[in-house]
Amino acid sequence: MSKIEDTIPYQQIPLNGQFSVFEMEHFQTEYAGVPHRHHVFQILWFTRSAGDHIVDFVTYELGDNILFLLRPGQVHQLPKSGFYGYSITFTEQFYWENKHERQTLYDFTTLFDDSQEYAPIRIGATAAESLQKLIALMREELRQEGGSSFVIKHYLNAFLLLAEREKKNNPVNSPDVHNHDTRIIQLRRLVEKHFRQEHQAGFYAAHFSLTAKRLNEIAREAISKTVTDMVHDRLVLEAKRQLAFSNRNVKEICYELGFEDPAYFSRFFRHHTGISPHEFRETVFK
């Protein structure tokens, strides 16, 4: 039996500790122009660009002053050239070093939500000027001997808050951008952690001491989706990643994602995508 491998590579970012900021055009690796992912949170601010940026099988046309926010593990593909701007990468541990910071700093994970219909953020001229200043401050602090991570994370906090304000001004973004229900934030984390093993809304509702019906009502009000919708969206995305970027067969992917019957898994995938797992894999490799 051949060894099962994920073929999509993780690109290593030159982190200074658990944070980095650099000009994208000056960081070229063997992964330029091919699908790859990262172990860290990444902000990509395209100040001037052309071509396409592909994120989890969706193609976005680039332009000037467009911001992308990528969670660890998201698969994306940049054009080989023709783009300028900045990459900011950081770990969750860098941003929140202790309980006090979790209570006082902006919860950036609300911005990096890939469970909704994803859309990049278009940055206005005034905000772009402010973001540029914050990047300069972050880079200056990094250059200083004895530079403070505490200072950097507060510049980063300001950067993220400005990005959130711009997101609210983008009509193309999902309707939940004004919603900060902490239960939805926690629910998203639970789904990300357990979606492979737990497909039923009742499992997630139990974490909140709620009925599945009540948690579904809360989710619908906040993000126009049920708990089951959230779990199914995540299962379909993971199935697509495995089909495109691993040599696992459909039966292996089925079992890894918590399905007991490969035939049912294939019907589930077709219901959500319109094609079978085999057809999807063939489409990717055409």
Foldseek 3Di string as FASTA:
>chain_A
DDDKDFQAEADDDPDPVFKDKDKPVVDDDPQAQHKHFHQWKKKWFFQAFADWKAWLNDIDTDGHGKIDIAHGPIIMHDHNDGTIDMMITGHPCLLDVDPVSVVPFDPLVLVNDPLADDDIFHDDPVLVVVLVVLSVVLVVLVPDVVRDSVVNSVSVSVNSVSSLVRLVVDPVDAPLSVPDPVLVVVLLVVLVVCLLADQDLQVSCVVVVHGQVVQQVVCCVRRVGGSNSSSLSVLLSVLLSCLAGMPDDQVVSCVRSNHDDSVVVQVSNCVVPVHGSVVSSVVNVD
